[in-house]
Amino acid sequence: MNIVTSRLHCPYCGKLFELEMEENAQEDDLIEECPLCGSPVDIRLVLDEDGKVIDAEIHRADGDTDE
């Protein structure tokens, strides 16, 4: 099992944290809690043409774009 690490900024608290994911993740859209502030964040995995995780994008889980 290969692990991919992505550094993300929480859209709520603005702090940087690392997210580790399996390279062959089964889902490409996850709701997780920020490990620093506990707010729900929508994490969208970026996959290559072979379906392997290469990066992640993070958004507010409430859909609000104001940060």
N, C-alpha and C. Protein backbone atom coordinates (compact mmCIF):
# COMPACT_ATOMS: atom_id res chain seq x y z
N MET A 1 0.84 -1.18 0.00
CA MET A 1 0.00 0.00 0.00
C MET A 1 0.89 1.24 0.00
N ASN A 2 0.69 2.09 -0.99
CA ASN A 2 1.44 3.35 -1.07
C ASN A 2 0.60 4.48 -0.48
N ILE A 3 1.25 5.36 0.24
CA ILE A 3 0.59 6.50 0.88
C ILE A 3 1.02 7.78 0.18
N VAL A 4 0.05 8.65 -0.10
CA VAL A 4 0.29 9.96 -0.68
C VAL A 4 -0.01 10.99 0.40
N THR A 5 0.88 11.95 0.59
CA THR A 5 0.68 13.00 1.58
C THR A 5 0.46 14.32 0.87
N SER A 6 -0.59 15.02 1.30
CA SER A 6 -0.90 16.33 0.73
C SER A 6 -0.98 17.34 1.87
N ARG A 7 -0.41 18.52 1.67
CA ARG A 7 -0.46 19.60 2.66
C ARG A 7 -1.60 20.53 2.28
N LEU A 8 -2.54 20.73 3.20
CA LEU A 8 -3.74 21.50 2.93
C LEU A 8 -3.94 22.60 3.97
N HIS A 9 -4.56 23.69 3.55
CA HIS A 9 -4.94 24.77 4.47
C HIS A 9 -6.43 24.63 4.75
N CYS A 10 -6.80 24.57 6.02
CA CYS A 10 -8.20 24.48 6.39
C CYS A 10 -8.92 25.75 5.95
N PRO A 11 -10.07 25.64 5.26
CA PRO A 11 -10.80 26.83 4.83
C PRO A 11 -11.51 27.55 5.97
N TYR A 12 -11.53 26.96 7.16
CA TYR A 12 -12.15 27.59 8.32
C TYR A 12 -11.11 28.31 9.18
N CYS A 13 -10.09 27.57 9.66
CA CYS A 13 -9.11 28.17 10.57
C CYS A 13 -7.87 28.67 9.85
N GLY A 14 -7.67 28.25 8.59
CA GLY A 14 -6.54 28.71 7.80
C GLY A 14 -5.21 28.04 8.12
N LYS A 15 -5.22 27.11 9.05
CA LYS A 15 -3.97 26.45 9.43
C LYS A 15 -3.64 25.30 8.49
N LEU A 16 -2.35 25.07 8.34
CA LEU A 16 -1.83 24.03 7.46
C LEU A 16 -1.79 22.69 8.20
N PHE A 17 -2.26 21.64 7.52
CA PHE A 17 -2.13 20.29 8.07
C PHE A 17 -1.84 19.33 6.94
N GLU A 18 -1.36 18.15 7.30
CA GLU A 18 -1.06 17.13 6.30
C GLU A 18 -2.14 16.07 6.32
N LEU A 19 -2.49 15.62 5.14
CA LEU A 19 -3.48 14.56 4.98
C LEU A 19 -2.80 13.40 4.27
N GLU A 20 -2.87 12.23 4.87
CA GLU A 20 -2.32 11.03 4.24
C GLU A 20 -3.46 10.21 3.66
N MET A 21 -3.28 9.76 2.42
CA MET A 21 -4.30 8.99 1.73
C MET A 21 -3.65 7.79 1.06
N GLU A 22 -4.42 6.74 0.90
CA GLU A 22 -3.95 5.60 0.12
C GLU A 22 -3.91 6.01 -1.34
N GLU A 23 -2.87 5.60 -2.02
CA GLU A 23 -2.72 5.95 -3.44
C GLU A 23 -3.88 5.44 -4.29
N ASN A 24 -4.45 4.31 -3.92
CA ASN A 24 -5.56 3.72 -4.67
C ASN A 24 -6.88 3.91 -3.93
N ALA A 25 -7.17 5.13 -3.50
CA ALA A 25 -8.40 5.41 -2.75
C ALA A 25 -9.62 5.03 -3.57
N GLN A 26 -10.65 4.53 -2.89
CA GLN A 26 -11.87 4.09 -3.56
C GLN A 26 -12.84 5.24 -3.82
N GLU A 27 -12.76 6.31 -3.03
CA GLU A 27 -13.64 7.45 -3.19
C GLU A 27 -12.82 8.66 -3.59
N ASP A 28 -13.44 9.59 -4.32
CA ASP A 28 -12.70 10.79 -4.70
C ASP A 28 -13.26 12.05 -4.04
N ASP A 29 -14.28 11.90 -3.18
CA ASP A 29 -14.86 13.04 -2.47
C ASP A 29 -15.16 12.58 -1.05
N LEU A 30 -14.51 13.19 -0.07
CA LEU A 30 -14.63 12.78 1.32
C LEU A 30 -15.00 13.97 2.20
N ILE A 31 -15.74 13.71 3.26
CA ILE A 31 -15.97 14.72 4.29
C ILE A 31 -15.17 14.27 5.51
N GLU A 32 -14.26 15.11 5.95
CA GLU A 32 -13.43 14.83 7.11
C GLU A 32 -13.47 16.03 8.04
N GLU A 33 -12.98 15.87 9.25
CA GLU A 33 -12.85 16.99 10.18
C GLU A 33 -11.43 17.53 10.12
N CYS A 34 -11.31 18.86 10.16
CA CYS A 34 -9.98 19.46 10.27
C CYS A 34 -9.38 18.96 11.58
N PRO A 35 -8.17 18.42 11.56
CA PRO A 35 -7.56 17.91 12.79
C PRO A 35 -7.19 19.02 13.77
N LEU A 36 -7.25 20.27 13.34
CA LEU A 36 -6.86 21.38 14.21
C LEU A 36 -8.06 22.10 14.83
N CYS A 37 -9.11 22.36 14.03
CA CYS A 37 -10.26 23.10 14.57
C CYS A 37 -11.52 22.26 14.64
N GLY A 38 -11.53 21.08 14.01
CA GLY A 38 -12.68 20.19 14.08
C GLY A 38 -13.80 20.50 13.11
N SER A 39 -13.63 21.50 12.26
CA SER A 39 -14.68 21.86 11.30
C SER A 39 -14.74 20.83 10.17
N PRO A 40 -15.94 20.58 9.63
CA PRO A 40 -16.06 19.62 8.54
C PRO A 40 -15.55 20.21 7.23
N VAL A 41 -14.69 19.48 6.56
CA VAL A 41 -14.13 19.94 5.29
C VAL A 41 -14.39 18.89 4.21
N ASP A 42 -14.64 19.38 3.00
CA ASP A 42 -14.86 18.53 1.84
C ASP A 42 -13.51 18.37 1.14
N ILE A 43 -13.03 17.15 1.07
CA ILE A 43 -11.74 16.88 0.45
C ILE A 43 -11.99 16.14 -0.85
N ARG A 44 -11.54 16.74 -1.93
CA ARG A 44 -11.69 16.13 -3.26
C ARG A 44 -10.33 15.65 -3.72
N LEU A 45 -10.24 14.36 -3.95
CA LEU A 45 -8.97 13.79 -4.37
C LEU A 45 -8.77 14.01 -5.86
N VAL A 46 -7.56 14.36 -6.23
CA VAL A 46 -7.19 14.55 -7.64
C VAL A 46 -6.52 13.26 -8.09
N LEU A 47 -7.10 12.64 -9.11
CA LEU A 47 -6.61 11.35 -9.59
C LEU A 47 -5.93 11.50 -10.95
N ASP A 48 -4.93 10.64 -11.20
CA ASP A 48 -4.32 10.63 -12.53
C ASP A 48 -5.14 9.74 -13.45
N GLU A 49 -4.69 9.56 -14.68
CA GLU A 49 -5.46 8.77 -15.65
C GLU A 49 -5.58 7.30 -15.28
N ASP A 50 -4.73 6.83 -14.36
CA ASP A 50 -4.80 5.45 -13.89
C ASP A 50 -5.65 5.30 -12.64
N GLY A 51 -6.24 6.41 -12.16
CA GLY A 51 -7.08 6.36 -10.96
C GLY A 51 -6.31 6.42 -9.66
N LYS A 52 -5.04 6.80 -9.73
CA LYS A 52 -4.23 6.92 -8.51
C LYS A 52 -4.26 8.35 -8.00
N VAL A 53 -4.28 8.48 -6.68
CA VAL A 53 -4.32 9.81 -6.06
C VAL A 53 -2.99 10.51 -6.27
N ILE A 54 -3.05 11.75 -6.77
CA ILE A 54 -1.83 12.54 -6.93
C ILE A 54 -1.86 13.82 -6.11
N ASP A 55 -3.05 14.23 -5.66
CA ASP A 55 -3.16 15.45 -4.85
C ASP A 55 -4.56 15.50 -4.25
N ALA A 56 -4.81 16.56 -3.47
CA ALA A 56 -6.13 16.75 -2.88
C ALA A 56 -6.45 18.24 -2.86
N GLU A 57 -7.74 18.54 -3.00
CA GLU A 57 -8.23 19.91 -2.88
C GLU A 57 -9.16 19.95 -1.67
N ILE A 58 -9.21 21.07 -1.00
CA ILE A 58 -10.04 21.17 0.20
C ILE A 58 -11.00 22.35 0.06
N HIS A 59 -12.22 22.14 0.52
CA HIS A 59 -13.27 23.16 0.46
C HIS A 59 -14.09 23.09 1.74
N ARG A 60 -14.82 24.16 2.01
CA ARG A 60 -15.74 24.16 3.15
C ARG A 60 -16.85 23.15 2.88
N ALA A 61 -17.18 22.34 3.87
CA ALA A 61 -18.23 21.34 3.69
C ALA A 61 -19.61 21.96 3.64
N ASP A 62 -19.76 23.20 4.15
CA ASP A 62 -21.07 23.85 4.14
C ASP A 62 -21.36 24.54 2.81
N GLY A 63 -20.41 24.48 1.87
CA GLY A 63 -20.60 25.07 0.56
C GLY A 63 -20.37 26.56 0.50
N ASP A 64 -20.12 27.20 1.64
CA ASP A 64 -19.88 28.64 1.68
C ASP A 64 -18.50 28.93 1.11
N THR A 65 -18.42 29.89 0.21
CA THR A 65 -17.12 30.22 -0.39
C THR A 65 -16.43 31.37 0.31
N ASP A 66 -17.12 32.03 1.25
CA ASP A 66 -16.48 33.11 2.02
C ASP A 66 -15.52 32.50 3.02
N GLU A 67 -14.30 33.01 3.04
CA GLU A 67 -13.31 32.48 3.99
C GLU A 67 -12.87 33.56 4.92
